[in-house]
Every structure is written in C-alpha cells, then in structure tokens.
Amino acid sequence: MNYFSKNIKFLREERKLGQSDLAKLLEVSRDNVASYERGSIPKLDVLVRIVNLFHIDLKDLVEKDLESIPPSEYTLAADPGIPYQRTPQSEDLTLESLQKLVEIQEKYIKTLEEKIKAGSKAKR
C-alpha cells in the first residue's frame, strides 16, 4: 500500500507547517502540495527535496503509515539541524520504491485521462 499522500500531510502537520509553508520549502506551489496530499506523486526532484526536508527514507515515506507507528520505527531526524544520515539500503530497495511511485503515478494519469475522455463525450 502507498501511504505517500497521507504521510506528506502528517509530516507537514507534525512540523506545524501550512501547505503554503511547505510549498515554499519545496519550491513548488501550494496547489502542488495540496495535490500531493490528495494522491498526486511529485516529480523526482521534488521527491528528493521532500526526503531531504523531512530527513526520511523514501521507502518509509511510501510504504509505512507514519502516523500509526512510533517514530523509532521509521527513519526521521527530529532536529532539522542534524544532517540527514540515510540508513544503509540496497539500491534495489530504493529503485523498488521509485518504481512503485511511478506505477501509482501512471495509474493516476490513466484515471485522469479516462475522466477527461468521459467528460468530453458527455459534452457532445
């Protein structure tokens, strides 16, 4: 299961950031942050900024429900002043996480395309 959108909102609220605040930190629009929280997957460069901002492994961000588990069970630096120390993982795990994100994004795009197609047929 993909917990990305739920985790983005959880991490943002945990840090007491508004969507606009997070958008500035990620160098995206507030609408982008809102769409990530609704299920849209950001581009890879934004994903990297999210991982670095929250000091969390991509695998944890995507595959764990961070809200329902204690912080000791995921990799998160509580103090933003502490440099991010990525837990050792094989390249396969990171690639696997990215592939899952791509698959989800492809499904999301397909769903949007179908909605657009259905909407244009309804207007005819």
Protein backbone atom coordinates (compact mmCIF):
# COMPACT_ATOMS: atom_id res chain seq x y z
CA MET A 1 0.00 0.00 0.00
CA ASN A 2 1.16 3.52 -0.74
CA TYR A 3 1.00 5.93 2.18
CA PHE A 4 2.78 8.80 0.43
CA SER A 5 -0.08 11.34 0.39
CA LYS A 6 -1.13 10.58 3.97
CA ASN A 7 2.47 10.81 5.17
CA ILE A 8 3.13 14.15 3.46
CA LYS A 9 0.17 15.68 5.26
CA PHE A 10 1.13 14.02 8.55
CA LEU A 11 4.75 15.23 8.38
CA ARG A 12 3.65 18.73 7.37
CA GLU A 13 1.18 19.00 10.25
CA GLU A 14 3.65 17.43 12.70
CA ARG A 15 6.08 20.24 11.87
CA LYS A 16 3.24 22.78 12.18
CA LEU A 17 3.59 23.88 8.57
CA GLY A 18 0.79 25.10 6.37
CA GLN A 19 0.57 23.98 2.77
CA SER A 20 1.99 27.35 1.67
CA ASP A 21 4.91 27.00 4.08
CA LEU A 22 5.74 23.55 2.77
CA ALA A 23 5.36 24.76 -0.80
CA LYS A 24 7.97 27.46 -0.23
CA LEU A 25 10.38 24.96 1.29
CA LEU A 26 9.90 22.57 -1.63
CA GLU A 27 9.94 25.37 -4.23
CA VAL A 28 6.53 24.40 -5.61
CA SER A 29 3.08 25.97 -5.49
CA ARG A 30 0.60 25.49 -2.64
CA ASP A 31 -1.66 23.78 -5.18
CA ASN A 32 1.12 21.24 -5.81
CA VAL A 33 1.33 20.43 -2.10
CA ALA A 34 -2.45 20.08 -1.92
CA SER A 35 -2.39 17.71 -4.89
CA TYR A 36 0.37 15.60 -3.26
CA GLU A 37 -1.83 15.29 -0.18
CA ARG A 38 -4.73 14.15 -2.40
CA GLY A 39 -2.67 11.43 -4.07
CA SER A 40 -0.65 13.01 -6.83
CA ILE A 41 3.00 11.95 -6.96
CA PRO A 42 5.58 14.73 -7.39
CA LYS A 43 8.41 14.72 -9.89
CA LEU A 44 11.63 13.07 -8.82
CA ASP A 45 13.42 16.33 -7.97
CA VAL A 46 10.59 17.29 -5.61
CA LEU A 47 10.62 13.81 -4.06
CA VAL A 48 14.30 14.29 -3.30
CA ARG A 49 13.54 17.66 -1.65
CA ILE A 50 10.78 16.04 0.45
CA VAL A 51 13.08 13.24 1.58
CA ASN A 52 15.81 15.73 2.48
CA LEU A 53 13.45 18.19 4.15
CA PHE A 54 11.86 15.61 6.42
CA HIS A 55 15.03 13.52 6.77
CA ILE A 56 13.15 10.35 5.95
CA ASP A 57 13.92 7.39 3.74
CA LEU A 58 11.85 7.21 0.59
CA LYS A 59 10.89 3.61 1.35
CA ASP A 60 9.46 4.67 4.74
CA LEU A 61 7.70 7.67 3.20
CA VAL A 62 5.94 5.46 0.66
CA GLU A 63 5.43 2.14 2.42
CA LYS A 64 4.78 2.92 6.10
CA ASP A 65 1.84 4.65 7.74
CA LEU A 66 3.98 7.07 9.74
CA GLU A 67 1.04 8.35 11.75
CA SER A 68 0.24 4.94 13.19
CA ILE A 69 3.73 3.85 14.20
CA PRO A 70 6.19 5.26 16.72
CA PRO A 71 8.96 7.44 15.27
CA SER A 72 11.51 4.85 16.36
CA GLU A 73 10.18 2.56 13.63
CA TYR A 74 10.97 4.94 10.78
CA THR A 75 13.97 6.99 9.86
CA LEU A 76 13.32 10.60 10.80
CA ALA A 77 15.70 13.16 12.22
CA ALA A 78 13.77 15.11 14.85
CA ASP A 79 16.20 18.05 14.82
CA PRO A 80 16.42 19.74 11.42
CA GLY A 81 19.94 20.89 12.39
CA ILE A 82 21.16 17.30 12.36
CA PRO A 83 22.47 16.30 8.92
CA TYR A 84 20.43 13.61 7.28
CA GLN A 85 22.02 10.21 7.79
CA ARG A 86 20.42 7.83 5.36
CA THR A 87 20.06 4.31 6.64
CA PRO A 88 22.00 1.83 4.55
CA GLN A 89 19.76 0.27 1.95
CA SER A 90 20.43 -1.60 -1.20
CA GLU A 91 19.92 0.23 -4.46
CA ASP A 92 17.27 -2.36 -5.27
CA LEU A 93 15.03 -1.17 -2.41
CA THR A 94 15.27 2.46 -3.48
CA LEU A 95 14.66 1.52 -7.09
CA GLU A 96 11.71 -0.62 -5.99
CA SER A 97 10.20 2.32 -4.08
CA LEU A 98 10.64 4.63 -7.05
CA GLN A 99 9.10 2.04 -9.37
CA LYS A 100 6.07 1.81 -7.08
CA LEU A 101 5.71 5.59 -7.18
CA VAL A 102 5.92 5.55 -10.97
CA GLU A 103 3.27 2.82 -11.17
CA ILE A 104 0.95 4.80 -8.92
CA GLN A 105 1.53 7.96 -10.93
CA GLU A 106 0.78 6.08 -14.16
CA LYS A 107 -2.49 4.78 -12.69
CA TYR A 108 -3.37 8.30 -11.54
CA ILE A 109 -2.68 9.70 -15.02
CA LYS A 110 -4.74 6.95 -16.65
CA THR A 111 -7.65 7.68 -14.31
CA LEU A 112 -7.46 11.39 -15.11
CA GLU A 113 -7.31 10.67 -18.84
CA GLU A 114 -10.42 8.46 -18.53
CA LYS A 115 -12.26 11.18 -16.61
CA ILE A 116 -11.32 13.76 -19.21
CA LYS A 117 -12.40 11.45 -22.04
CA ALA A 118 -15.70 10.70 -20.29
CA GLY A 119 -16.27 14.40 -19.71
CA SER A 120 -15.65 15.28 -23.34
CA LYS A 121 -18.02 12.51 -24.50
CA ALA A 122 -20.72 13.80 -22.13
CA LYS A 123 -20.45 17.30 -23.63
CA ARG A 124 -21.09 16.04 -27.19
